[in-house]
């Protein structure tokens, strides 16, 4: 009887199919939650990448606007220098004015051609 009792006791201590199904359900739930968390991380990563791309685009547009603003100011200065009276300028000052005008002309109009 001792042998039979030990055998029965051993079978009683084994996990039942309900325990296996409970573990299986918990494992399935864990896998589902892990998958959702991974998808959320991927969405967050994509959102951060889009934000970074937007910031790069804004910086590029700001740089372009600053270049246009600089060119407008340079054009105003060129126009003022061109229209300034030269009657009181000596030869050296006239030569400097011509150099400045030529330099500004190249900077403003050479790249447009």
N, C-alpha and C. Protein backbone atom coordinates (compact mmCIF):
# COMPACT_ATOMS: atom_id res chain seq x y z
N UNK A 1 0.80 -1.17 0.00
CA UNK A 1 0.00 0.00 0.00
C UNK A 1 0.86 1.26 0.00
N UNK A 2 2.04 1.24 0.53
CA UNK A 2 2.91 2.40 0.58
C UNK A 2 3.31 2.86 -0.81
N UNK A 3 3.54 1.87 -1.69
CA UNK A 3 3.95 2.21 -3.05
C UNK A 3 2.81 2.90 -3.78
N UNK A 4 1.60 2.35 -3.64
CA UNK A 4 0.44 2.93 -4.30
C UNK A 4 0.14 4.31 -3.73
N UNK A 5 0.30 4.47 -2.42
CA UNK A 5 0.05 5.76 -1.80
C UNK A 5 1.04 6.81 -2.31
N UNK A 6 2.31 6.47 -2.45
CA UNK A 6 3.33 7.39 -2.94
C UNK A 6 3.06 7.78 -4.39
N UNK A 7 2.61 6.80 -5.18
CA UNK A 7 2.29 7.06 -6.58
C UNK A 7 1.12 8.03 -6.68
N UNK A 8 0.08 7.79 -5.90
CA UNK A 8 -1.08 8.70 -5.90
C UNK A 8 -0.68 10.10 -5.44
N UNK A 9 0.16 10.16 -4.44
CA UNK A 9 0.62 11.46 -3.92
C UNK A 9 1.41 12.21 -4.99
N UNK A 10 2.23 11.50 -5.74
CA UNK A 10 3.01 12.11 -6.81
C UNK A 10 2.09 12.68 -7.88
N UNK A 11 1.08 11.97 -8.27
CA UNK A 11 0.13 12.46 -9.29
C UNK A 11 -0.68 13.65 -8.77
N UNK A 12 -0.98 13.64 -7.50
CA UNK A 12 -1.72 14.74 -6.91
C UNK A 12 -0.90 16.03 -6.92
N UNK A 13 0.42 15.92 -6.77
CA UNK A 13 1.30 17.08 -6.72
C UNK A 13 1.61 17.64 -8.11
N UNK A 14 1.32 16.88 -9.15
CA UNK A 14 1.57 17.38 -10.51
C UNK A 14 0.59 18.50 -10.82
N UNK A 15 1.02 19.40 -11.69
CA UNK A 15 0.16 20.52 -12.08
C UNK A 15 -0.98 20.00 -12.93
N UNK A 16 -2.10 20.58 -12.70
CA UNK A 16 -3.29 20.18 -13.43
C UNK A 16 -3.39 20.97 -14.73
N UNK A 17 -4.21 20.51 -15.66
CA UNK A 17 -4.38 21.25 -16.92
C UNK A 17 -4.88 22.68 -16.69
N UNK A 18 -5.64 22.90 -15.61
CA UNK A 18 -6.11 24.26 -15.33
C UNK A 18 -4.92 25.18 -15.03
N UNK A 19 -3.95 24.66 -14.32
CA UNK A 19 -2.76 25.46 -14.01
C UNK A 19 -2.00 25.78 -15.29
N UNK A 20 -1.91 24.79 -16.17
CA UNK A 20 -1.24 25.03 -17.45
C UNK A 20 -1.98 26.09 -18.25
N UNK A 21 -3.30 26.02 -18.27
CA UNK A 21 -4.05 27.01 -19.05
C UNK A 21 -3.93 28.39 -18.41
N UNK A 22 -3.87 28.46 -17.08
CA UNK A 22 -3.70 29.76 -16.42
C UNK A 22 -2.35 30.36 -16.76
N UNK A 23 -1.32 29.53 -16.74
CA UNK A 23 0.02 30.01 -17.11
C UNK A 23 0.04 30.42 -18.57
N UNK A 24 -0.61 29.63 -19.40
CA UNK A 24 -0.68 29.95 -20.83
C UNK A 24 -1.40 31.28 -21.06
N UNK A 25 -2.50 31.50 -20.33
CA UNK A 25 -3.23 32.77 -20.45
C UNK A 25 -2.38 33.95 -20.01
N UNK A 26 -1.66 33.76 -18.90
CA UNK A 26 -0.79 34.83 -18.41
C UNK A 26 0.33 35.12 -19.41
N UNK A 27 0.87 34.06 -20.00
CA UNK A 27 1.92 34.23 -20.99
C UNK A 27 1.39 34.94 -22.23
N UNK A 28 0.20 34.56 -22.68
CA UNK A 28 -0.42 35.23 -23.83
C UNK A 28 -0.66 36.71 -23.53
N UNK A 29 -1.13 37.00 -22.32
CA UNK A 29 -1.38 38.39 -21.93
C UNK A 29 -0.07 39.17 -21.90
N UNK A 30 0.99 38.56 -21.37
CA UNK A 30 2.30 39.20 -21.33
C UNK A 30 2.80 39.51 -22.74
N UNK A 31 2.65 38.54 -23.64
CA UNK A 31 3.08 38.74 -25.03
C UNK A 31 2.28 39.87 -25.67
N UNK A 32 0.97 39.90 -25.41
CA UNK A 32 0.12 40.94 -25.98
C UNK A 32 0.53 42.33 -25.46
N UNK A 33 0.76 42.43 -24.16
CA UNK A 33 1.16 43.71 -23.57
C UNK A 33 2.53 44.12 -24.08
N UNK A 34 3.44 43.17 -24.20
CA UNK A 34 4.78 43.47 -24.73
C UNK A 34 4.70 43.97 -26.17
N UNK A 35 3.85 43.35 -26.96
CA UNK A 35 3.68 43.76 -28.36
C UNK A 35 3.11 45.18 -28.43
N UNK A 36 2.11 45.46 -27.60
CA UNK A 36 1.53 46.81 -27.58
C UNK A 36 2.57 47.85 -27.14
N UNK A 37 3.38 47.50 -26.14
CA UNK A 37 4.41 48.42 -25.67
C UNK A 37 5.44 48.68 -26.77
N UNK A 38 5.81 47.64 -27.52
CA UNK A 38 6.76 47.80 -28.61
C UNK A 38 6.19 48.70 -29.69
N UNK A 39 4.91 48.49 -30.01
CA UNK A 39 4.26 49.34 -31.03
C UNK A 39 4.20 50.79 -30.56
N UNK A 40 3.91 50.99 -29.28
CA UNK A 40 3.88 52.36 -28.74
C UNK A 40 5.26 53.01 -28.81
N UNK A 41 6.30 52.24 -28.51
CA UNK A 41 7.66 52.77 -28.62
C UNK A 41 8.00 53.12 -30.05
N UNK A 42 7.56 52.29 -31.00
CA UNK A 42 7.81 52.58 -32.41
C UNK A 42 7.08 53.85 -32.84
N UNK A 43 5.83 54.02 -32.38
CA UNK A 43 5.08 55.25 -32.69
C UNK A 43 5.80 56.46 -32.11
N UNK A 44 6.27 56.35 -30.88
CA UNK A 44 6.97 57.46 -30.23
C UNK A 44 8.25 57.79 -30.99
N UNK A 45 8.96 56.76 -31.40
CA UNK A 45 10.18 56.97 -32.17
C UNK A 45 9.88 57.67 -33.49
N UNK A 46 8.83 57.26 -34.16
CA UNK A 46 8.44 57.89 -35.42
C UNK A 46 8.03 59.35 -35.19
N UNK A 47 7.30 59.61 -34.12
CA UNK A 47 6.90 60.98 -33.80
C UNK A 47 8.12 61.85 -33.52
N UNK A 48 9.07 61.31 -32.77
CA UNK A 48 10.29 62.06 -32.49
C UNK A 48 11.08 62.32 -33.76
N UNK A 49 11.12 61.35 -34.67
CA UNK A 49 11.82 61.54 -35.94
C UNK A 49 11.13 62.62 -36.77
N UNK A 50 9.80 62.61 -36.80
CA UNK A 50 9.06 63.64 -37.53
C UNK A 50 9.32 65.02 -36.94
N UNK A 51 9.37 65.10 -35.62
CA UNK A 51 9.64 66.36 -34.95
C UNK A 51 11.05 66.85 -35.29
N UNK A 52 12.01 65.96 -35.28
CA UNK A 52 13.39 66.33 -35.63
C UNK A 52 13.46 66.81 -37.07
N UNK A 53 12.77 66.13 -37.97
CA UNK A 53 12.76 66.55 -39.37
C UNK A 53 12.12 67.93 -39.52
N UNK A 54 11.07 68.18 -38.76
CA UNK A 54 10.41 69.49 -38.81
C UNK A 54 11.34 70.58 -38.30
N UNK A 55 12.08 70.28 -37.25
CA UNK A 55 13.02 71.27 -36.71
C UNK A 55 14.12 71.58 -37.72
N UNK A 56 14.59 70.57 -38.42
CA UNK A 56 15.62 70.78 -39.44
C UNK A 56 15.06 71.66 -40.56
N UNK A 57 13.82 71.40 -40.96
CA UNK A 57 13.19 72.19 -42.02
C UNK A 57 13.01 73.64 -41.57
N UNK A 58 12.59 73.84 -40.33
CA UNK A 58 12.42 75.20 -39.80
C UNK A 58 13.77 75.93 -39.78
N UNK A 59 14.81 75.25 -39.36
CA UNK A 59 16.14 75.86 -39.33
C UNK A 59 16.60 76.23 -40.73
N UNK A 60 16.32 75.36 -41.70
CA UNK A 60 16.71 75.65 -43.08
C UNK A 60 15.95 76.87 -43.61
N UNK A 61 14.66 76.94 -43.32
CA UNK A 61 13.86 78.08 -43.77
C UNK A 61 14.29 79.38 -43.08
N UNK A 62 14.64 79.29 -41.80
CA UNK A 62 15.13 80.48 -41.08
C UNK A 62 16.44 80.97 -41.67
N UNK A 63 17.31 80.03 -42.03
CA UNK A 63 18.58 80.41 -42.64
C UNK A 63 18.35 81.08 -43.99
N UNK A 64 17.43 80.53 -44.76
CA UNK A 64 17.12 81.11 -46.07
C UNK A 64 16.54 82.52 -45.91
N UNK A 65 15.67 82.70 -44.93
CA UNK A 65 15.09 84.02 -44.67
C UNK A 65 16.17 85.02 -44.24
N UNK A 66 17.11 84.56 -43.42
CA UNK A 66 18.19 85.44 -42.98
C UNK A 66 19.07 85.85 -44.16
N UNK A 67 19.32 84.91 -45.08
CA UNK A 67 20.10 85.24 -46.28
C UNK A 67 19.37 86.28 -47.12
N UNK A 68 18.06 86.11 -47.29
CA UNK A 68 17.27 87.08 -48.06
C UNK A 68 17.30 88.45 -47.39
N UNK A 69 17.17 88.47 -46.07
CA UNK A 69 17.20 89.72 -45.33
C UNK A 69 18.54 90.42 -45.50
N UNK A 70 19.62 89.66 -45.42
CA UNK A 70 20.96 90.21 -45.60
C UNK A 70 21.12 90.78 -47.00
N UNK A 71 20.62 90.06 -47.98
CA UNK A 71 20.72 90.53 -49.36
C UNK A 71 19.92 91.82 -49.56
N UNK A 72 18.75 91.92 -48.94
CA UNK A 72 17.94 93.14 -49.03
C UNK A 72 18.67 94.33 -48.41
N UNK A 73 19.28 94.11 -47.25
CA UNK A 73 20.03 95.19 -46.61
C UNK A 73 21.22 95.60 -47.46
N UNK A 74 21.89 94.62 -48.04
CA UNK A 74 23.04 94.92 -48.89
C UNK A 74 22.59 95.69 -50.13
N UNK A 75 21.45 95.32 -50.68
CA UNK A 75 20.92 96.02 -51.85
C UNK A 75 20.56 97.46 -51.51
N UNK A 76 19.98 97.68 -50.33
CA UNK A 76 19.68 99.05 -49.89
C UNK A 76 20.96 99.87 -49.75
N UNK A 77 21.98 99.27 -49.16
CA UNK A 77 23.26 99.97 -49.00
C UNK A 77 23.88 100.26 -50.37
N UNK A 78 23.80 99.31 -51.27
CA UNK A 78 24.32 99.50 -52.62
C UNK A 78 23.60 100.66 -53.31
N UNK A 79 22.28 100.68 -53.19
CA UNK A 79 21.49 101.76 -53.80
C UNK A 79 21.86 103.12 -53.20
N UNK A 80 22.00 103.18 -51.87
CA UNK A 80 22.38 104.44 -51.22
C UNK A 80 23.76 104.89 -51.66
N UNK A 81 24.69 103.96 -51.76
CA UNK A 81 26.05 104.30 -52.19
C UNK A 81 26.05 104.75 -53.64
N UNK A 82 25.24 104.12 -54.45
CA UNK A 82 25.16 104.46 -55.87
C UNK A 82 24.55 105.86 -56.06
N UNK A 83 23.59 106.21 -55.25
CA UNK A 83 22.90 107.50 -55.39
C UNK A 83 23.55 108.63 -54.59
N UNK A 84 24.54 108.31 -53.78
CA UNK A 84 25.20 109.33 -52.95
C UNK A 84 25.95 110.32 -53.85
N UNK A 85 25.94 111.59 -53.49
CA UNK A 85 26.66 112.59 -54.30
C UNK A 85 28.17 112.36 -54.22
N UNK A 86 28.84 112.54 -55.35
CA UNK A 86 30.29 112.31 -55.43
C UNK A 86 31.05 113.59 -55.72
N UNK A 87 30.40 114.72 -55.71
CA UNK A 87 31.07 115.97 -56.09
C UNK A 87 32.15 116.37 -55.11
N UNK A 88 32.02 116.07 -53.84
CA UNK A 88 33.00 116.47 -52.83
C UNK A 88 34.06 115.40 -52.58
N UNK A 89 34.05 114.28 -53.32
CA UNK A 89 35.01 113.20 -53.09
C UNK A 89 36.28 113.44 -53.88
N UNK A 90 37.42 113.16 -53.26
CA UNK A 90 38.69 113.25 -53.99
C UNK A 90 38.91 111.95 -54.78
N UNK A 91 39.99 111.84 -55.48
CA UNK A 91 40.27 110.70 -56.36
C UNK A 91 40.37 109.40 -55.56
N UNK A 92 41.02 109.46 -54.40
CA UNK A 92 41.17 108.25 -53.57
C UNK A 92 39.80 107.76 -53.09
N UNK A 93 38.97 108.66 -52.61
CA UNK A 93 37.63 108.29 -52.14
C UNK A 93 36.76 107.76 -53.27
N UNK A 94 36.90 108.35 -54.46
CA UNK A 94 36.15 107.85 -55.62
C UNK A 94 36.57 106.43 -55.97
N UNK A 95 37.88 106.17 -55.89
CA UNK A 95 38.39 104.83 -56.18
C UNK A 95 37.86 103.82 -55.15
N UNK A 96 37.85 104.21 -53.88
CA UNK A 96 37.31 103.34 -52.82
C UNK A 96 35.82 103.08 -53.04
N UNK A 97 35.10 104.11 -53.44
CA UNK A 97 33.66 103.97 -53.72
C UNK A 97 33.44 102.98 -54.86
N UNK A 98 34.24 103.10 -55.91
CA UNK A 98 34.12 102.20 -57.06
C UNK A 98 34.44 100.75 -56.65
N UNK A 99 35.46 100.58 -55.81
CA UNK A 99 35.79 99.23 -55.33
C UNK A 99 34.63 98.64 -54.52
N UNK A 100 34.06 99.47 -53.65
CA UNK A 100 32.94 99.00 -52.82
C UNK A 100 31.74 98.65 -53.69
N UNK A 101 31.45 99.50 -54.67
CA UNK A 101 30.32 99.24 -55.57
C UNK A 101 30.54 97.95 -56.36
N UNK A 102 31.76 97.77 -56.87
CA UNK A 102 32.07 96.57 -57.64
C UNK A 102 31.95 95.31 -56.77
N UNK A 103 32.47 95.39 -55.56
CA UNK A 103 32.40 94.25 -54.65
C UNK A 103 30.94 93.91 -54.33
N UNK A 104 30.14 94.93 -54.06
CA UNK A 104 28.73 94.69 -53.75
C UNK A 104 27.98 94.20 -54.98
N UNK A 105 28.33 94.72 -56.14
CA UNK A 105 27.69 94.28 -57.38
C UNK A 105 27.95 92.79 -57.60
N UNK A 106 29.18 92.37 -57.40
CA UNK A 106 29.51 90.94 -57.56
C UNK A 106 28.76 90.08 -56.54
N UNK A 107 28.71 90.55 -55.31
CA UNK A 107 28.02 89.78 -54.26
C UNK A 107 26.52 89.70 -54.52
N UNK A 108 25.95 90.77 -55.02
CA UNK A 108 24.49 90.81 -55.20
C UNK A 108 24.03 90.16 -56.49
N UNK A 109 24.74 90.42 -57.58
CA UNK A 109 24.19 90.07 -58.89
C UNK A 109 24.92 88.95 -59.61
N UNK A 110 26.11 88.58 -59.18
CA UNK A 110 26.87 87.55 -59.90
C UNK A 110 26.21 86.18 -59.77
N UNK A 111 25.64 85.87 -58.62
CA UNK A 111 25.04 84.55 -58.42
C UNK A 111 23.67 84.44 -59.07
N UNK A 112 23.05 85.57 -59.41
CA UNK A 112 21.72 85.54 -60.03
C UNK A 112 21.78 85.15 -61.50
N UNK A 113 22.90 85.34 -62.15
CA UNK A 113 23.00 85.05 -63.60
C UNK A 113 23.03 83.59 -63.89
